[in-house]
PDB file of N, CA and C in Angstrom:
ATOM      1  N   MET A   1     104.860 110.455  95.146  1.00  0.00           N
ATOM      2  CA  MET A   1     104.282 111.614  95.748  1.00  0.00           C
ATOM      3  C   MET A   1     103.606 111.174  97.086  1.00  0.00           C
ATOM      4  N   VAL A   2     103.818 112.045  98.076  1.00  0.00           N
ATOM      5  CA  VAL A   2     103.289 111.773  99.446  1.00  0.00           C
ATOM      6  C   VAL A   2     102.555 112.945 100.043  1.00  0.00           C
ATOM      7  N   GLU A   3     101.641 112.691 100.880  1.00  0.00           N
ATOM      8  CA  GLU A   3     101.017 113.759 101.681  1.00  0.00           C
ATOM      9  C   GLU A   3     101.679 113.846 102.994  1.00  0.00           C
ATOM     10  N   SER A   4     101.917 115.056 103.486  1.00  0.00           N
ATOM     11  CA  SER A   4     102.691 115.312 104.615  1.00  0.00           C
ATOM     12  C   SER A   4     101.828 115.375 105.902  1.00  0.00           C
ATOM     13  N   GLY A   5     102.406 114.915 107.038  1.00  0.00           N
ATOM     14  CA  GLY A   5     101.796 115.039 108.357  1.00  0.00           C
ATOM     15  C   GLY A   5     100.614 114.194 108.590  1.00  0.00           C
ATOM     16  N   ASP A   6     100.418 113.123 108.053  1.00  0.00           N
ATOM     17  CA  ASP A   6      99.295 112.195 108.314  1.00  0.00           C
ATOM     18  C   ASP A   6      99.636 111.360 109.496  1.00  0.00           C
ATOM     19  N   TYR A   7      98.537 111.017 110.294  1.00  0.00           N
ATOM     20  CA  TYR A   7      98.666 110.041 111.314  1.00  0.00           C
ATOM     21  C   TYR A   7      98.150 108.720 110.839  1.00  0.00           C
ATOM     22  N   CYS A   8      98.934 107.634 111.149  1.00  0.00           N
ATOM     23  CA  CYS A   8      98.586 106.298 110.604  1.00  0.00           C
ATOM     24  C   CYS A   8      98.749 105.256 111.628  1.00  0.00           C
ATOM     25  N   TRP A   9      97.992 104.226 111.523  1.00  0.00           N
ATOM     26  CA  TRP A   9      98.232 102.945 112.374  1.00  0.00           C
ATOM     27  C   TRP A   9      99.188 102.062 111.698  1.00  0.00           C
ATOM     28  N   VAL A  10     100.220 101.603 112.372  1.00  0.00           N
ATOM     29  CA  VAL A  10     101.281 100.848 111.797  1.00  0.00           C
ATOM     30  C   VAL A  10     101.524  99.628 112.791  1.00  0.00           C
ATOM     31  N   VAL A  11     102.220  98.637 112.211  1.00  0.00           N
ATOM     32  CA  VAL A  11     102.866  97.565 113.073  1.00  0.00           C
ATOM     33  C   VAL A  11     104.337  97.456 112.475  1.00  0.00           C
ATOM     34  N   ILE A  12     105.171  96.883 113.323  1.00  0.00           N
ATOM     35  CA  ILE A  12     106.548  96.689 112.852  1.00  0.00           C
ATOM     36  C   ILE A  12     106.702  95.292 112.311  1.00  0.00           C
ATOM     37  N   CYS A  13     107.165  95.104 111.111  1.00  0.00           N
ATOM     38  CA  CYS A  13     107.341  93.771 110.613  1.00  0.00           C
ATOM     39  C   CYS A  13     108.161  92.899 111.490  1.00  0.00           C
ATOM     40  N   LYS A  14     107.742  91.665 111.690  1.00  0.00           N
ATOM     41  CA  LYS A  14     108.472  90.710 112.557  1.00  0.00           C
ATOM     42  C   LYS A  14     109.633  89.995 111.830  1.00  0.00           C
ATOM     43  N   ASN A  15     109.761  90.260 110.498  1.00  0.00           N
ATOM     44  CA  ASN A  15     110.870  89.618 109.828  1.00  0.00           C
ATOM     45  C   ASN A  15     112.074  90.496 109.916  1.00  0.00           C
ATOM     46  N   HIS A  16     112.679  90.543 111.121  1.00  0.00           N
ATOM     47  CA  HIS A  16     113.735  91.503 111.458  1.00  0.00           C
ATOM     48  C   HIS A  16     115.102  91.067 110.618  1.00  0.00           C
ATOM     49  N   ARG A  17     115.220  89.918 110.351  1.00  0.00           N
ATOM     50  CA  ARG A  17     116.458  89.448 109.601  1.00  0.00           C
ATOM     51  C   ARG A  17     116.478  90.153 108.227  1.00  0.00           C
ATOM     52  N   TYR A  18     115.303  90.123 107.561  1.00  0.00           N
ATOM     53  CA  TYR A  18     115.273  90.741 106.175  1.00  0.00           C
ATOM     54  C   TYR A  18     115.390  92.245 106.274  1.00  0.00           C
ATOM     55  N   HIS A  19     114.743  92.872 107.258  1.00  0.00           N
ATOM     56  CA  HIS A  19     114.733  94.411 107.330  1.00  0.00           C
ATOM     57  C   HIS A  19     115.931  95.006 107.984  1.00  0.00           C
ATOM     58  N   ARG A  20     116.639  94.241 108.709  1.00  0.00           N
ATOM     59  CA  ARG A  20     117.842  94.706 109.493  1.00  0.00           C
ATOM     60  C   ARG A  20     118.809  95.475 108.583  1.00  0.00           C
ATOM     61  N   ARG A  21     118.892  95.081 107.307  1.00  0.00           N
ATOM     62  CA  ARG A  21     119.826  95.805 106.412  1.00  0.00           C
ATOM     63  C   ARG A  21     119.456  97.180 106.133  1.00  0.00           C
ATOM     64  N   ASP A  22     118.213  97.517 106.160  1.00  0.00           N
ATOM     65  CA  ASP A  22     117.714  98.879 105.769  1.00  0.00           C
ATOM     66  C   ASP A  22     117.457  99.672 107.049  1.00  0.00           C
ATOM     67  N   ASN A  23     116.969  99.199 108.151  1.00  0.00           N
ATOM     68  CA  ASN A  23     116.526  99.998 109.224  1.00  0.00           C
ATOM     69  C   ASN A  23     116.841  99.336 110.551  1.00  0.00           C
ATOM     70  N   LEU A  24     118.112  99.362 111.012  1.00  0.00           N
ATOM     71  CA  LEU A  24     118.570  98.566 112.109  1.00  0.00           C
ATOM     72  C   LEU A  24     117.865  98.886 113.414  1.00  0.00           C
ATOM     73  N   PHE A  25     117.458 100.118 113.686  1.00  0.00           N
ATOM     74  CA  PHE A  25     117.005 100.450 115.003  1.00  0.00           C
ATOM     75  C   PHE A  25     115.510 100.555 115.135  1.00  0.00           C
ATOM     76  N   SER A  26     114.715 100.927 114.212  1.00  0.00           N
ATOM     77  CA  SER A  26     113.293 101.046 114.443  1.00  0.00           C
ATOM     78  C   SER A  26     112.431 100.018 113.631  1.00  0.00           C
ATOM     79  N   GLY A  27     112.974  99.202 112.812  1.00  0.00           N
ATOM     80  CA  GLY A  27     112.221  98.226 112.078  1.00  0.00           C
ATOM     81  C   GLY A  27     111.458  98.761 110.939  1.00  0.00           C
ATOM     82  N   HIS A  28     110.900  97.889 110.090  1.00  0.00           N
ATOM     83  CA  HIS A  28     110.154  98.315 108.966  1.00  0.00           C
ATOM     84  C   HIS A  28     108.711  98.402 109.369  1.00  0.00           C
ATOM     85  N   ARG A  29     108.056  99.660 109.129  1.00  0.00           N
ATOM     86  CA  ARG A  29     106.702  99.893 109.487  1.00  0.00           C
ATOM     87  C   ARG A  29     105.757  99.485 108.354  1.00  0.00           C
ATOM     88  N   ILE A  30     104.740  98.777 108.709  1.00  0.00           N
ATOM     89  CA  ILE A  30     103.694  98.373 107.761  1.00  0.00           C
ATOM     90  C   ILE A  30     102.501  99.239 108.013  1.00  0.00           C
ATOM     91  N   LEU A  31     102.152 100.024 107.121  1.00  0.00           N
ATOM     92  CA  LEU A  31     101.084 100.976 107.188  1.00  0.00           C
ATOM     93  C   LEU A  31      99.760 100.243 107.043  1.00  0.00           C
ATOM     94  N   LEU A  32      98.826 100.356 108.091  1.00  0.00           N
ATOM     95  CA  LEU A  32      97.544  99.737 108.059  1.00  0.00           C
ATOM     96  C   LEU A  32      96.339 100.597 107.722  1.00  0.00           C
ATOM     97  N   GLY A  33      96.370 101.801 108.286  1.00  0.00           N
ATOM     98  CA  GLY A  33      95.251 102.676 108.065  1.00  0.00           C
ATOM     99  C   GLY A  33      95.496 104.121 108.503  1.00  0.00           C
ATOM    100  N   GLU A  34      94.622 104.973 108.141  1.00  0.00           N
ATOM    101  CA  GLU A  34      94.713 106.430 108.521  1.00  0.00           C
ATOM    102  C   GLU A  34      94.027 106.627 109.863  1.00  0.00           C
ATOM    103  N   THR A  35      94.470 107.632 110.522  1.00  0.00           N
ATOM    104  CA  THR A  35      93.753 108.055 111.716  1.00  0.00           C
ATOM    105  C   THR A  35      94.093 109.588 112.014  1.00  0.00           C
ATOM    106  N   ASP A  36      93.849 110.065 113.201  1.00  0.00           N
ATOM    107  CA  ASP A  36      94.226 111.432 113.521  1.00  0.00           C
ATOM    108  C   ASP A  36      94.920 111.361 114.870  1.00  0.00           C
ATOM    109  N   ALA A  37      95.315 112.485 115.355  1.00  0.00           N
ATOM    110  CA  ALA A  37      96.163 112.564 116.547  1.00  0.00           C
ATOM    111  C   ALA A  37      95.407 112.174 117.877  1.00  0.00           C
ATOM    112  N   VAL A  38      94.011 112.101 117.873  1.00  0.00           N
ATOM    113  CA  VAL A  38      93.359 111.928 119.120  1.00  0.00           C
ATOM    114  C   VAL A  38      92.434 110.703 119.170  1.00  0.00           C
ATOM    115  N   SER A  39      92.064 110.156 118.059  1.00  0.00           N
ATOM    116  CA  SER A  39      91.132 109.061 118.036  1.00  0.00           C
ATOM    117  C   SER A  39      91.790 107.799 118.698  1.00  0.00           C
ATOM    118  N   GLY A  40      90.860 106.964 119.315  1.00  0.00           N
ATOM    119  CA  GLY A  40      91.312 105.857 120.049  1.00  0.00           C
ATOM    120  C   GLY A  40      91.633 104.659 119.056  1.00  0.00           C
ATOM    121  N   GLN A  41      92.254 103.633 119.618  1.00  0.00           N
ATOM    122  CA  GLN A  41      92.590 102.500 118.733  1.00  0.00           C
ATOM    123  C   GLN A  41      91.397 101.831 118.273  1.00  0.00           C
ATOM    124  N   PRO A  42      91.375 101.429 116.917  1.00  0.00           N
ATOM    125  CA  PRO A  42      90.209 100.783 116.402  1.00  0.00           C
ATOM    126  C   PRO A  42      89.958  99.460 117.209  1.00  0.00           C
ATOM    127  N   PRO A  43      88.567  99.031 117.148  1.00  0.00           N
ATOM    128  CA  PRO A  43      88.282  97.889 117.828  1.00  0.00           C
ATOM    129  C   PRO A  43      88.767  96.593 117.157  1.00  0.00           C
ATOM    130  N   VAL A  44      89.855  96.088 117.642  1.00  0.00           N
ATOM    131  CA  VAL A  44      90.465  94.855 117.055  1.00  0.00           C
ATOM    132  C   VAL A  44      90.480  93.752 118.154  1.00  0.00           C
ATOM    133  N   SER A  45      89.792  92.776 117.831  1.00  0.00           N
ATOM    134  CA  SER A  45      89.722  91.617 118.806  1.00  0.00           C
ATOM    135  C   SER A  45      90.587  90.421 118.341  1.00  0.00           C
ATOM    136  N   GLY A  46      91.376  89.962 119.158  1.00  0.00           N
ATOM    137  CA  GLY A  46      92.273  88.824 118.730  1.00  0.00           C
ATOM    138  C   GLY A  46      93.419  89.334 117.862  1.00  0.00           C
ATOM    139  N   GLU A  47      94.071  88.414 117.232  1.00  0.00           N
ATOM    140  CA  GLU A  47      95.230  88.753 116.343  1.00  0.00           C
ATOM    141  C   GLU A  47      94.672  89.056 114.897  1.00  0.00           C
ATOM    142  N   ILE A  48      95.533  89.926 114.234  1.00  0.00           N
ATOM    143  CA  ILE A  48      95.205  90.149 112.840  1.00  0.00           C
ATOM    144  C   ILE A  48      96.379  89.772 112.013  1.00  0.00           C
ATOM    145  N   ALA A  49      96.119  89.201 110.823  1.00  0.00           N
ATOM    146  CA  ALA A  49      97.047  88.779 109.850  1.00  0.00           C
ATOM    147  C   ALA A  49      97.425  90.096 108.987  1.00  0.00           C
ATOM    148  N   VAL A  50      98.731  90.304 108.884  1.00  0.00           N
ATOM    149  CA  VAL A  50      99.268  91.403 108.129  1.00  0.00           C
ATOM    150  C   VAL A  50     100.413  90.903 107.218  1.00  0.00           C
ATOM    151  N   SER A  51     100.358  91.256 105.942  1.00  0.00           N
ATOM    152  CA  SER A  51     101.361  90.928 105.032  1.00  0.00           C
ATOM    153  C   SER A  51     102.228  92.186 104.816  1.00  0.00           C
ATOM    154  N   CYS A  52     103.531  91.995 104.859  1.00  0.00           N
ATOM    155  CA  CYS A  52     104.485  93.091 104.702  1.00  0.00           C
ATOM    156  C   CYS A  52     104.529  93.495 103.228  1.00  0.00           C
ATOM    157  N   ASP A  53     104.546  94.771 102.965  1.00  0.00           N
ATOM    158  CA  ASP A  53     104.564  95.326 101.675  1.00  0.00           C
ATOM    159  C   ASP A  53     105.958  95.234 101.036  1.00  0.00           C
ATOM    160  N   ASP A  54     106.936  94.964 101.856  1.00  0.00           N
ATOM    161  CA  ASP A  54     108.377  94.926 101.375  1.00  0.00           C
ATOM    162  C   ASP A  54     108.899  93.493 101.205  1.00  0.00           C
ATOM    163  N   CYS A  55     108.841  92.715 102.234  1.00  0.00           N
ATOM    164  CA  CYS A  55     109.400  91.303 102.235  1.00  0.00           C
ATOM    165  C   CYS A  55     108.310  90.307 101.813  1.00  0.00           C
ATOM    166  N   GLY A  56     107.099  90.656 101.891  1.00  0.00           N
ATOM    167  CA  GLY A  56     106.010  89.707 101.477  1.00  0.00           C
ATOM    168  C   GLY A  56     105.526  88.718 102.438  1.00  0.00           C
ATOM    169  N   LYS A  57     106.237  88.639 103.641  1.00  0.00           N
ATOM    170  CA  LYS A  57     105.885  87.694 104.645  1.00  0.00           C
ATOM    171  C   LYS A  57     104.633  88.127 105.420  1.00  0.00           C
ATOM    172  N   GLU A  58     103.843  87.091 105.835  1.00  0.00           N
ATOM    173  CA  GLU A  58     102.566  87.450 106.674  1.00  0.00           C
ATOM    174  C   GLU A  58     102.863  86.898 108.030  1.00  0.00           C
ATOM    175  N   TYR A  59     102.525  87.855 109.061  1.00  0.00           N
ATOM    176  CA  TYR A  59     102.640  87.512 110.438  1.00  0.00           C
ATOM    177  C   TYR A  59     101.294  88.003 111.124  1.00  0.00           C
ATOM    178  N   TYR A  60     101.131  87.423 112.366  1.00  0.00           N
ATOM    179  CA  TYR A  60      99.993  87.792 113.133  1.00  0.00           C
ATOM    180  C   TYR A  60     100.401  88.836 114.182  1.00  0.00           C
ATOM    181  N   TYR A  61      99.544  89.854 114.422  1.00  0.00           N
ATOM    182  CA  TYR A  61      99.831  90.946 115.345  1.00  0.00           C
ATOM    183  C   TYR A  61      98.675  91.062 116.291  1.00  0.00           C
ATOM    184  N   ARG A  62      99.019  91.270 117.571  1.00  0.00           N
ATOM    185  CA  ARG A  62      98.014  91.557 118.678  1.00  0.00           C
ATOM    186  C   ARG A  62      97.628  93.054 118.596  1.00  0.00           C
ATOM    187  N   PRO A  63      96.507  93.409 119.221  1.00  0.00           N
ATOM    188  CA  PRO A  63      96.143  94.787 119.302  1.00  0.00           C
ATOM    189  C   PRO A  63      97.122  95.647 119.986  1.00  0.00           C
ATOM    190  N   ALA A  64      97.956  95.087 120.938  1.00  0.00           N
ATOM    191  CA  ALA A  64      98.984  95.830 121.562  1.00  0.00           C
ATOM    192  C   ALA A  64     100.186  96.148 120.656  1.00  0.00           C
ATOM    193  N   ASP A  65     100.243  95.527 119.513  1.00  0.00           N
ATOM    194  CA  ASP A  65     101.357  95.826 118.514  1.00  0.00           C
ATOM    195  C   ASP A  65     101.025  97.003 117.684  1.00  0.00           C
ATOM    196  N   LEU A  66      99.802  97.451 117.656  1.00  0.00           N
ATOM    197  CA  LEU A  66      99.438  98.601 116.883  1.00  0.00           C
ATOM    198  C   LEU A  66      99.979  99.942 117.410  1.00  0.00           C
ATOM    199  N   MET A  67     100.549 100.708 116.594  1.00  0.00           N
ATOM    200  CA  MET A  67     101.063 101.990 116.962  1.00  0.00           C
ATOM    201  C   MET A  67     100.541 103.108 116.075  1.00  0.00           C
ATOM    202  N   ARG A  68     100.341 104.276 116.700  1.00  0.00           N
ATOM    203  CA  ARG A  68      99.960 105.423 115.951  1.00  0.00           C
ATOM    204  C   ARG A  68     101.177 106.304 115.778  1.00  0.00           C
ATOM    205  N   ILE A  69     101.542 106.670 114.542  1.00  0.00           N
ATOM    206  CA  ILE A  69     102.721 107.484 114.379  1.00  0.00           C
ATOM    207  C   ILE A  69     102.248 108.524 113.250  1.00  0.00           C
ATOM    208  N   GLU A  70     103.108 109.609 113.272  1.00  0.00           N
ATOM    209  CA  GLU A  70     102.894 110.669 112.246  1.00  0.00           C
ATOM    210  C   GLU A  70     103.919 110.272 111.113  1.00  0.00           C
ATOM    211  N   MET A  71     103.398 110.068 109.966  1.00  0.00           N
ATOM    212  CA  MET A  71     104.303 109.739 108.843  1.00  0.00           C
ATOM    213  C   MET A  71     103.722 110.239 107.568  1.00  0.00           C
ATOM    214  N   ASP A  72     104.545 110.287 106.536  1.00  0.00           N
ATOM    215  CA  ASP A  72     104.114 110.636 105.208  1.00  0.00           C
ATOM    216  C   ASP A  72     103.455 109.434 104.590  1.00  0.00           C
ATOM    217  N   ARG A  73     102.225 109.520 104.249  1.00  0.00           N
ATOM    218  CA  ARG A  73     101.487 108.404 103.698  1.00  0.00           C
ATOM    219  C   ARG A  73     101.562 108.446 102.147  1.00  0.00           C
ATOM    220  N   PRO A  74     101.811 107.291 101.501  1.00  0.00           N
ATOM    221  CA  PRO A  74     101.746 107.344 100.048  1.00  0.00           C
ATOM    222  C   PRO A  74     100.373 107.680  99.572  1.00  0.00           C
ATOM    223  N   VAL A  75     100.282 108.460  98.450  1.00  0.00           N
ATOM    224  CA  VAL A  75      99.033 108.840  97.910  1.00  0.00           C
ATOM    225  C   VAL A  75      98.208 107.685  97.413  1.00  0.00           C
ATOM    226  N   ASP A  76      98.834 106.626  96.904  1.00  0.00           N
ATOM    227  CA  ASP A  76      98.130 105.467  96.384  1.00  0.00           C
ATOM    228  C   ASP A  76      97.923 104.379  97.469  1.00  0.00           C
ATOM    229  N   PHE A  77      97.946 104.742  98.772  1.00  0.00           N
ATOM    230  CA  PHE A  77      97.875 103.742  99.893  1.00  0.00           C
ATOM    231  C   PHE A  77      96.416 103.233  99.888  1.00  0.00           C
ATOM    232  N   THR A  78      96.337 101.826 100.089  1.00  0.00           N
ATOM    233  CA  THR A  78      95.192 101.123 100.255  1.00  0.00           C
ATOM    234  C   THR A  78      95.149 100.510 101.711  1.00  0.00           C
ATOM    235  N   PRO A  79      94.135 100.910 102.501  1.00  0.00           N
ATOM    236  CA  PRO A  79      94.221 100.479 103.902  1.00  0.00           C
ATOM    237  C   PRO A  79      93.995  98.935 104.006  1.00  0.00           C
ATOM    238  N   HIS A  80      94.513  98.385 105.139  1.00  0.00           N
ATOM    239  CA  HIS A  80      94.199  97.001 105.522  1.00  0.00           C
ATOM    240  C   HIS A  80      92.695  96.826 105.577  1.00  0.00           C
ATOM    241  N   PRO A  81      92.189  95.716 105.263  1.00  0.00           N
ATOM    242  CA  PRO A  81      90.689  95.524 105.333  1.00  0.00           C
ATOM    243  C   PRO A  81      90.066  95.869 106.631  1.00  0.00           C
ATOM    244  N   LEU A  82      90.723  95.653 107.738  1.00  0.00           N
ATOM    245  CA  LEU A  82      90.112  96.028 109.079  1.00  0.00           C
ATOM    246  C   LEU A  82      90.048  97.483 109.335  1.00  0.00           C
ATOM    247  N   PHE A  83      90.798  98.337 108.529  1.00  0.00           N
ATOM    248  CA  PHE A  83      90.872  99.753 108.759  1.00  0.00           C
ATOM    249  C   PHE A  83      90.161 100.519 107.660  1.00  0.00           C
ATOM    250  N   ARG A  84      89.384  99.848 106.842  1.00  0.00           N
ATOM    251  CA  ARG A  84      88.663 100.543 105.778  1.00  0.00           C
ATOM    252  C   ARG A  84      87.383 101.065 106.396  1.00  0.00           C
ATOM    253  N   PRO A  85      86.905 102.218 105.928  1.00  0.00           N
ATOM    254  CA  PRO A  85      85.585 102.766 106.543  1.00  0.00           C
ATOM    255  C   PRO A  85      84.419 101.980 106.027  1.00  0.00           C
TER     256      PRO A  85
END
């Protein structure tokens, strides 16, 4: 079950070799936290460690790697520790 039309912060998994078989052009999105259409990027200093929910690999991402997208968020989603209220 998913909720429709949510805005979320995501990064694209760097394990391209693993994810290429599923999504060749846009990469696997790792959901980090909820947002809205107008809020600014959360204050993230330096790199953050993010584990992929699909392949299980952990990579480091810069603040510039964060993207806001509109996507259906799983109802049982747990935000990344840096994106929890």
